[in-house]
């Protein structure tokens, strides 16, 4: 993804997991990436989502401390594995969208 000109408003770290089998053993490689929130878009390593095309964001925590962050868009729901609650990111997104309950 190309770099965004404006400074990000908020960001969260998410993880991608790559699984492979080598010599009859399953290996996992976890990579940290960052999701950035801008006034007009949300960007990941592979995607650019215009704010007007994002319908909602949500989070589901798991008992082990990790969770899933969901980005509901006009292209479907995108899921990001996170290790910390994205409360600040969600609050900033809702403020941009004009949600009166975000404050």
C-alpha atoms as a PDB file:
ATOM      1  CA  UNK A   1       0.000   0.000   0.000  1.00  0.00           C
ATOM      2  CA  UNK A   2       1.289   3.478  -0.720  1.00  0.00           C
ATOM      3  CA  UNK A   3       2.083   5.830   2.128  1.00  0.00           C
ATOM      4  CA  UNK A   4      -0.648   8.181   3.229  1.00  0.00           C
ATOM      5  CA  UNK A   5       0.146  11.900   3.129  1.00  0.00           C
ATOM      6  CA  UNK A   6      -1.720  12.922   6.303  1.00  0.00           C
ATOM      7  CA  UNK A   7      -0.720  11.866   9.786  1.00  0.00           C
ATOM      8  CA  UNK A   8      -2.734   8.998  11.214  1.00  0.00           C
ATOM      9  CA  UNK A   9      -5.321   9.691  13.911  1.00  0.00           C
ATOM     10  CA  UNK A  10      -5.035   6.261  15.513  1.00  0.00           C
ATOM     11  CA  UNK A  11      -3.460   2.889  14.859  1.00  0.00           C
ATOM     12  CA  UNK A  12      -3.617  -0.687  16.098  1.00  0.00           C
ATOM     13  CA  UNK A  13      -1.225  -3.583  15.690  1.00  0.00           C
ATOM     14  CA  UNK A  14      -2.648  -6.741  14.182  1.00  0.00           C
ATOM     15  CA  UNK A  15      -1.058 -10.080  13.445  1.00  0.00           C
ATOM     16  CA  UNK A  16      -1.074 -12.349  10.426  1.00  0.00           C
ATOM     17  CA  UNK A  17      -0.231 -16.019  10.811  1.00  0.00           C
ATOM     18  CA  UNK A  18       1.354 -18.004   8.026  1.00  0.00           C
ATOM     19  CA  UNK A  19       1.306 -21.779   8.341  1.00  0.00           C
ATOM     20  CA  UNK A  20       3.492 -24.184   6.389  1.00  0.00           C
ATOM     21  CA  UNK A  21       4.573 -27.800   6.555  1.00  0.00           C
ATOM     22  CA  UNK A  22       8.270 -28.529   6.387  1.00  0.00           C
ATOM     23  CA  UNK A  23       9.691 -32.011   6.817  1.00  0.00           C
ATOM     24  CA  UNK A  24       6.408 -33.308   8.243  1.00  0.00           C
ATOM     25  CA  UNK A  25       6.222 -30.536  10.861  1.00  0.00           C
ATOM     26  CA  UNK A  26       3.747 -27.706  10.886  1.00  0.00           C
ATOM     27  CA  UNK A  27       5.425 -24.319  11.285  1.00  0.00           C
ATOM     28  CA  UNK A  28       3.776 -21.011  12.087  1.00  0.00           C
ATOM     29  CA  UNK A  29       5.139 -17.575  11.363  1.00  0.00           C
ATOM     30  CA  UNK A  30       3.384 -14.633  12.977  1.00  0.00           C
ATOM     31  CA  UNK A  31       3.949 -11.144  11.559  1.00  0.00           C
ATOM     32  CA  UNK A  32       2.961  -7.876  13.235  1.00  0.00           C
ATOM     33  CA  UNK A  33       1.375  -5.260  11.004  1.00  0.00           C
ATOM     34  CA  UNK A  34      -0.355  -1.942  11.634  1.00  0.00           C
ATOM     35  CA  UNK A  35      -3.841  -0.720  10.762  1.00  0.00           C
ATOM     36  CA  UNK A  36      -3.957   3.090  10.446  1.00  0.00           C
ATOM     37  CA  UNK A  37      -6.976   5.354  10.823  1.00  0.00           C
ATOM     38  CA  UNK A  38      -6.972   8.618   8.863  1.00  0.00           C
ATOM     39  CA  UNK A  39      -9.649  11.287   8.507  1.00  0.00           C
ATOM     40  CA  UNK A  40     -10.706   9.843   5.141  1.00  0.00           C
ATOM     41  CA  UNK A  41      -9.572   6.198   5.206  1.00  0.00           C
ATOM     42  CA  UNK A  42      -8.330   3.128   7.045  1.00  0.00           C
ATOM     43  CA  UNK A  43      -5.256   1.394   5.647  1.00  0.00           C
ATOM     44  CA  UNK A  44      -3.600  -1.964   6.210  1.00  0.00           C
ATOM     45  CA  UNK A  45      -0.579  -3.440   4.483  1.00  0.00           C
ATOM     46  CA  UNK A  46      -2.749  -4.793   1.668  1.00  0.00           C
ATOM     47  CA  UNK A  47      -5.901  -2.645   1.656  1.00  0.00           C
ATOM     48  CA  UNK A  48      -7.179   0.916   1.576  1.00  0.00           C
ATOM     49  CA  UNK A  49     -10.719   1.431   2.876  1.00  0.00           C
ATOM     50  CA  UNK A  50     -12.326   4.827   2.322  1.00  0.00           C
ATOM     51  CA  UNK A  51     -14.191   5.985   5.442  1.00  0.00           C
ATOM     52  CA  UNK A  52     -17.366   6.355   3.368  1.00  0.00           C
ATOM     53  CA  UNK A  53     -17.116   2.630   2.527  1.00  0.00           C
ATOM     54  CA  UNK A  54     -16.674   1.520   6.160  1.00  0.00           C
ATOM     55  CA  UNK A  55     -20.056   0.865   7.771  1.00  0.00           C
ATOM     56  CA  UNK A  56     -18.887  -0.090  11.250  1.00  0.00           C
ATOM     57  CA  UNK A  57     -16.011  -1.449  13.338  1.00  0.00           C
ATOM     58  CA  UNK A  58     -16.316  -3.936  16.187  1.00  0.00           C
ATOM     59  CA  UNK A  59     -14.229  -6.057  18.514  1.00  0.00           C
ATOM     60  CA  UNK A  60     -14.643  -9.473  20.092  1.00  0.00           C
ATOM     61  CA  UNK A  61     -12.267 -10.337  22.939  1.00  0.00           C
ATOM     62  CA  UNK A  62     -11.220 -13.886  23.800  1.00  0.00           C
ATOM     63  CA  UNK A  63     -10.505 -15.269  27.258  1.00  0.00           C
ATOM     64  CA  UNK A  64      -6.769 -15.606  26.503  1.00  0.00           C
ATOM     65  CA  UNK A  65      -6.393 -11.822  26.142  1.00  0.00           C
ATOM     66  CA  UNK A  66      -6.372 -11.664  22.345  1.00  0.00           C
ATOM     67  CA  UNK A  67      -9.319 -10.820  20.159  1.00  0.00           C
ATOM     68  CA  UNK A  68     -10.643 -10.107  16.705  1.00  0.00           C
ATOM     69  CA  UNK A  69     -11.169  -6.634  15.290  1.00  0.00           C
ATOM     70  CA  UNK A  70     -13.818  -6.482  12.561  1.00  0.00           C
ATOM     71  CA  UNK A  71     -13.975  -3.891   9.806  1.00  0.00           C
ATOM     72  CA  UNK A  72     -17.449  -3.906   8.209  1.00  0.00           C
ATOM     73  CA  UNK A  73     -17.167  -2.492   4.683  1.00  0.00           C
ATOM     74  CA  UNK A  74     -19.054  -2.354   1.411  1.00  0.00           C
ATOM     75  CA  UNK A  75     -16.678  -5.168   0.252  1.00  0.00           C
ATOM     76  CA  UNK A  76     -17.510  -7.446   3.189  1.00  0.00           C
ATOM     77  CA  UNK A  77     -16.165  -7.949   6.692  1.00  0.00           C
ATOM     78  CA  UNK A  78     -12.386  -7.930   7.182  1.00  0.00           C
ATOM     79  CA  UNK A  79     -10.981  -9.575  10.319  1.00  0.00           C
ATOM     80  CA  UNK A  80      -7.780  -8.624  12.119  1.00  0.00           C
ATOM     81  CA  UNK A  81      -6.239 -10.585  15.011  1.00  0.00           C
ATOM     82  CA  UNK A  82      -5.192  -8.194  17.807  1.00  0.00           C
ATOM     83  CA  UNK A  83      -3.534  -8.662  21.185  1.00  0.00           C
ATOM     84  CA  UNK A  84      -4.816  -5.471  22.819  1.00  0.00           C
ATOM     85  CA  UNK A  85      -8.343  -4.038  22.830  1.00  0.00           C
ATOM     86  CA  UNK A  86      -8.739  -1.433  20.050  1.00  0.00           C
ATOM     87  CA  UNK A  87     -10.916   0.871  22.186  1.00  0.00           C
ATOM     88  CA  UNK A  88      -9.132   4.099  21.209  1.00  0.00           C
ATOM     89  CA  UNK A  89      -9.194   3.192  17.505  1.00  0.00           C
ATOM     90  CA  UNK A  90     -12.939   2.463  17.665  1.00  0.00           C
ATOM     91  CA  UNK A  91     -13.622   5.703  19.583  1.00  0.00           C
ATOM     92  CA  UNK A  92     -11.694   7.769  17.003  1.00  0.00           C
ATOM     93  CA  UNK A  93     -13.468   6.020  14.110  1.00  0.00           C
ATOM     94  CA  UNK A  94     -16.883   6.751  15.634  1.00  0.00           C
ATOM     95  CA  UNK A  95     -15.938  10.414  16.149  1.00  0.00           C
ATOM     96  CA  UNK A  96     -14.974  10.696  12.483  1.00  0.00           C
ATOM     97  CA  UNK A  97     -18.281   9.119  11.460  1.00  0.00           C
ATOM     98  CA  UNK A  98     -20.179  11.530  13.727  1.00  0.00           C
ATOM     99  CA  UNK A  99     -21.498   8.961  16.200  1.00  0.00           C
ATOM    100  CA  UNK A 100     -22.961  10.967  19.124  1.00  0.00           C
ATOM    101  CA  UNK A 101     -22.292   8.058  21.526  1.00  0.00           C
ATOM    102  CA  UNK A 102     -18.536   8.003  20.829  1.00  0.00           C
ATOM    103  CA  UNK A 103     -17.656  10.752  23.300  1.00  0.00           C
END
